[in-house]
Amino acid sequence: MARFLQEDAPDLGDNPDRQRVAAVDAWKHSDFLCKNYILKGLDNALYNVYSPMVNAKALWESLERKYKTEDAGSKKFVVGKFLDFKMADSKTVISQVQEFQLILHDILVKGMVLGESFQVDALIEKLPPTWKDLKNYLEHKRKEMKLEDLIVRLRIKEDNRQSEKKAGNYHQEAKANVVKQDEFLNLDELNDDADGDKHDENVVAIVDENGFDGASNDHNAGQLFGHEGTNATNN
């Protein structure tokens, strides 16, 4: 079938003999079968577009131009996604690693090959800003690492960071509770002091109102405080 996609139909020429005519007819029949074999692989919309093509070669070249151009465009798109991809601190690293792996898969599907060491270096380079220390460490690590090993290491590191964050939050909450409790106790003490001062003021006001004056008012003072004055008893 490949010959009908690459070769032009034979020409009858001037004054063809019967054998030449038979050869041309056989070619046209085979070309017709080849063309329809290709058209059967297209969906209805594409079939209507490409069925008017005069022969299998013209049909094949038209399809090749269209899809090779589109494939080149899709390759550029995937490569662009790979180059622009950068991790952010707003999302978990592992979820972004999975996005990175999907981009790598798309690149491989397009027929482009990336060495594993390149994939590892690219993933390290795309780590978020808060992972700067690990990034610097891995960039200067001499021993080569497999992509799978790097992903496992990142997963462990992220789990540890989340555990430390939870522990820090718990410590902050406990500290805040202690501060609130101290403030509450101090407020109670202030209220107690205020009540005591108010009681003393009331006593002074009563004393002033009854006109207490030294020993002459011991009897009244005794009545006020629930006992008889000593001077009154002696008199």
Protein backbone atom coordinates (compact mmCIF):
# COMPACT_ATOMS: atom_id res chain seq x y z
CA MET A 1 0.00 0.00 0.00
CA ALA A 2 2.93 2.35 0.69
CA ARG A 3 3.68 2.76 -3.03
CA PHE A 4 0.30 4.42 -3.60
CA LEU A 5 1.12 6.99 -0.91
CA GLN A 6 4.46 7.87 -2.48
CA GLU A 7 4.25 7.31 -6.24
CA ASP A 8 2.23 9.10 -8.87
CA ALA A 9 -0.21 7.20 -11.06
CA PRO A 10 1.31 5.85 -14.29
CA ASP A 11 0.61 7.79 -17.48
CA LEU A 12 -1.08 6.13 -20.42
CA GLY A 13 1.05 8.04 -22.89
CA ASP A 14 0.34 8.30 -26.58
CA ASN A 15 -1.20 5.31 -28.33
CA PRO A 16 -1.14 2.97 -25.29
CA ASP A 17 -1.42 -0.71 -25.97
CA ARG A 18 -3.85 -3.02 -24.26
CA GLN A 19 -1.27 -4.08 -21.65
CA ARG A 20 -0.52 -0.48 -20.74
CA VAL A 21 -4.20 0.33 -20.34
CA ALA A 22 -4.66 -2.73 -18.12
CA ALA A 23 -1.72 -1.67 -15.93
CA VAL A 24 -3.14 1.84 -15.48
CA ASP A 25 -6.59 0.48 -14.67
CA ALA A 26 -5.10 -1.89 -12.08
CA TRP A 27 -3.22 1.02 -10.49
CA LYS A 28 -6.34 3.18 -10.31
CA HIS A 29 -8.30 0.36 -8.71
CA SER A 30 -5.62 -0.27 -6.08
CA ASP A 31 -5.29 3.48 -5.47
CA PHE A 32 -9.06 3.70 -4.98
CA LEU A 33 -8.93 0.89 -2.38
CA CYS A 34 -5.99 2.54 -0.59
CA LYS A 35 -7.69 5.93 -0.51
CA ASN A 36 -10.92 4.49 0.92
CA TYR A 37 -8.98 2.46 3.47
CA ILE A 38 -7.54 5.73 4.80
CA LEU A 39 -10.90 7.52 4.68
CA LYS A 40 -12.53 4.75 6.74
CA GLY A 41 -10.17 5.61 9.58
CA LEU A 42 -11.43 9.20 9.74
CA ASP A 43 -14.50 10.44 11.60
CA ASN A 44 -17.48 11.74 9.62
CA ALA A 45 -16.46 15.40 9.72
CA LEU A 46 -12.96 14.67 8.39
CA TYR A 47 -14.31 12.16 5.87
CA ASN A 48 -16.43 14.87 4.27
CA VAL A 49 -13.42 17.18 4.10
CA TYR A 50 -10.93 14.71 2.61
CA SER A 51 -13.07 12.42 0.43
CA PRO A 52 -12.83 14.75 -2.63
CA MET A 53 -9.05 14.12 -2.85
CA VAL A 54 -8.21 12.68 -6.27
CA ASN A 55 -5.98 9.84 -5.09
CA ALA A 56 -4.41 8.21 -2.04
CA LYS A 57 -1.14 10.15 -2.35
CA ALA A 58 -2.89 13.54 -2.36
CA LEU A 59 -5.04 12.49 0.59
CA TRP A 60 -2.06 11.27 2.60
CA GLU A 61 0.04 14.38 1.93
CA SER A 62 -2.83 16.64 2.99
CA LEU A 63 -3.33 14.74 6.25
CA GLU A 64 0.41 14.69 6.90
CA ARG A 65 0.75 18.46 6.45
CA LYS A 66 -2.13 19.12 8.80
CA TYR A 67 -1.17 16.78 11.62
CA LYS A 68 2.57 17.21 11.46
CA THR A 69 2.04 20.95 11.88
CA GLU A 70 -0.39 20.38 14.75
CA ASP A 71 1.97 17.87 16.36
CA ALA A 72 4.83 20.35 16.18
CA GLY A 73 2.56 22.94 17.79
CA SER A 74 1.52 20.54 20.54
CA LYS A 75 5.18 19.68 21.20
CA LYS A 76 5.97 23.37 21.62
CA PHE A 77 3.00 23.70 23.96
CA VAL A 78 4.14 20.80 26.15
CA VAL A 79 7.73 22.06 26.22
CA GLY A 80 6.41 25.50 27.17
CA LYS A 81 4.45 23.99 30.06
CA PHE A 82 7.59 22.20 31.23
CA LEU A 83 9.72 25.35 31.12
CA ASP A 84 7.10 27.56 32.79
CA PHE A 85 6.23 25.08 35.54
CA LYS A 86 7.31 26.33 38.97
CA MET A 87 6.18 25.14 42.38
CA ALA A 88 4.49 27.50 44.84
CA ASP A 89 4.28 27.50 48.64
CA SER A 90 0.48 27.75 48.52
CA LYS A 91 0.11 24.07 47.53
CA THR A 92 1.64 20.85 48.82
CA VAL A 93 4.88 19.85 47.13
CA ILE A 94 3.71 16.30 46.45
CA SER A 95 0.59 17.47 44.60
CA GLN A 96 2.83 19.68 42.45
CA VAL A 97 5.26 16.81 41.88
CA GLN A 98 2.34 14.86 40.43
CA GLU A 99 1.60 17.76 38.05
CA PHE A 100 5.28 17.74 37.03
CA GLN A 101 5.14 14.00 36.33
CA LEU A 102 2.10 14.48 34.07
CA ILE A 103 4.03 17.06 32.03
CA LEU A 104 6.96 14.64 31.74
CA HIS A 105 4.56 11.95 30.55
CA ASP A 106 3.16 14.27 27.86
CA ILE A 107 6.69 15.02 26.67
CA LEU A 108 7.51 11.31 26.39
CA VAL A 109 4.24 10.65 24.54
CA LYS A 110 5.26 13.28 21.97
CA GLY A 111 8.40 11.28 21.28
CA MET A 112 10.80 13.58 23.09
CA VAL A 113 13.24 11.84 25.41
CA LEU A 114 14.54 13.37 28.66
CA GLY A 115 17.27 11.62 30.62
CA GLU A 116 16.44 10.72 34.23
CA SER A 117 19.28 12.83 35.62
CA PHE A 118 17.86 15.82 33.71
CA GLN A 119 14.38 15.12 35.15
CA VAL A 120 15.83 14.97 38.68
CA ASP A 121 17.76 18.24 38.26
CA ALA A 122 14.71 19.94 36.77
CA LEU A 123 12.48 18.85 39.66
CA ILE A 124 15.00 20.12 42.23
CA GLU A 125 15.23 23.45 40.40
CA LYS A 126 11.44 23.85 40.47
CA LEU A 127 11.04 23.42 44.26
CA PRO A 128 9.22 26.31 46.02
CA PRO A 129 11.08 29.18 47.78
CA THR A 130 10.61 27.82 51.33
CA TRP A 131 12.48 24.66 50.32
CA LYS A 132 15.62 26.65 49.55
CA ASP A 133 17.83 24.82 52.08
CA LEU A 134 16.99 21.35 50.75
CA LYS A 135 17.27 22.64 47.20
CA ASN A 136 20.79 23.96 47.82
CA TYR A 137 21.78 20.71 49.52
CA LEU A 138 20.50 18.54 46.67
CA GLU A 139 22.07 20.76 44.00
CA HIS A 140 25.50 20.26 45.57
CA LYS A 141 25.01 16.55 46.23
CA ARG A 142 27.51 14.68 44.08
CA LYS A 143 25.86 11.27 44.10
CA GLU A 144 23.25 10.89 41.37
CA MET A 145 19.70 10.19 42.49
CA LYS A 146 16.84 8.46 40.74
CA LEU A 147 13.62 10.40 40.22
CA GLU A 148 11.66 7.92 42.34
CA ASP A 149 14.14 8.27 45.22
CA LEU A 150 13.91 12.05 45.05
CA ILE A 151 10.10 11.95 45.19
CA VAL A 152 10.22 9.66 48.25
CA ARG A 153 12.63 12.06 49.93
CA LEU A 154 10.39 15.04 49.18
CA ARG A 155 7.37 13.18 50.57
CA ILE A 156 9.20 12.40 53.84
CA LYS A 157 10.44 15.99 54.11
CA GLU A 158 6.94 17.38 53.60
CA ASP A 159 5.45 15.01 56.20
CA ASN A 160 8.09 16.17 58.72
CA ARG A 161 7.41 19.84 57.95
CA GLN A 162 3.68 19.35 58.45
CA SER A 163 4.27 17.55 61.77
CA GLU A 164 6.53 20.37 62.97
CA LYS A 165 3.94 22.93 61.92
CA LYS A 166 1.19 21.13 63.86
CA ALA A 167 3.44 20.91 66.94
CA GLY A 168 4.23 24.63 66.66
CA ASN A 169 0.55 25.50 66.38
CA TYR A 170 -0.23 23.40 69.46
CA HIS A 171 2.53 25.16 71.42
CA GLN A 172 1.22 28.58 70.39
CA GLU A 173 -2.34 27.65 71.39
CA ALA A 174 -1.16 26.37 74.78
CA LYS A 175 0.87 29.54 75.34
CA ALA A 176 -2.11 31.69 74.39
CA ASN A 177 -4.31 29.79 76.85
CA VAL A 178 -1.79 30.36 79.66
CA VAL A 179 -1.67 34.09 78.90
CA LYS A 180 -5.47 34.29 78.91
CA GLN A 181 -5.62 32.42 82.23
CA ASP A 182 -3.06 34.80 83.79
CA GLU A 183 -5.04 37.79 82.55
CA PHE A 184 -8.21 36.32 84.05
CA LEU A 185 -6.55 35.75 87.44
CA ASN A 186 -5.08 39.26 87.45
CA LEU A 187 -8.53 40.65 86.68
CA ASP A 188 -10.01 38.75 89.64
CA GLU A 189 -7.32 40.18 91.93
CA LEU A 190 -8.07 43.69 90.69
CA ASN A 191 -11.78 43.16 91.34
CA ASP A 192 -11.04 41.89 94.88
CA ASP A 193 -8.86 44.93 95.58
CA ALA A 194 -11.55 47.23 94.23
CA ASP A 195 -14.18 45.59 96.47
CA GLY A 196 -11.92 46.01 99.51
CA ASP A 197 -11.29 49.67 98.75
CA LYS A 198 -15.02 50.22 98.33
CA HIS A 199 -15.71 48.60 101.73
CA ASP A 200 -13.15 50.86 103.43
CA GLU A 201 -14.69 53.91 101.79
CA ASN A 202 -18.15 52.91 103.07
CA VAL A 203 -16.84 52.53 106.64
CA VAL A 204 -15.19 55.94 106.51
CA ALA A 205 -18.39 57.47 105.19
CA ILE A 206 -20.43 55.95 108.06
CA VAL A 207 -17.90 57.16 110.63
CA ASP A 208 -18.03 60.67 109.23
CA GLU A 209 -21.83 60.62 109.15
CA ASN A 210 -22.14 59.61 112.84
CA GLY A 211 -19.62 62.19 113.91
CA PHE A 212 -17.27 59.89 115.79
CA ASP A 213 -14.91 61.90 117.93
CA GLY A 214 -12.42 59.99 119.98
CA ALA A 215 -13.47 58.22 123.17
CA SER A 216 -16.80 60.09 123.56
CA ASN A 217 -18.26 58.08 120.77
CA ASP A 218 -17.01 54.64 121.79
CA HIS A 219 -20.57 53.50 122.54
CA ASN A 220 -21.75 54.42 119.06
CA ALA A 221 -18.72 52.78 117.54
CA GLY A 222 -19.46 49.66 119.51
CA GLN A 223 -22.98 49.57 118.18
CA LEU A 224 -21.69 50.08 114.66
CA PHE A 225 -19.18 47.25 114.91
CA GLY A 226 -21.36 44.96 117.04
CA HIS A 227 -19.91 45.52 120.57
CA GLU A 228 -20.10 48.02 123.43
CA GLY A 229 -17.35 50.56 123.83
CA THR A 230 -15.04 49.94 126.80
CA ASN A 231 -15.28 53.51 128.08
CA ALA A 232 -19.08 53.34 128.26
CA THR A 233 -18.89 50.22 130.44
CA ASN A 234 -16.43 51.78 132.80
CA ASN A 235 -18.62 54.86 133.21
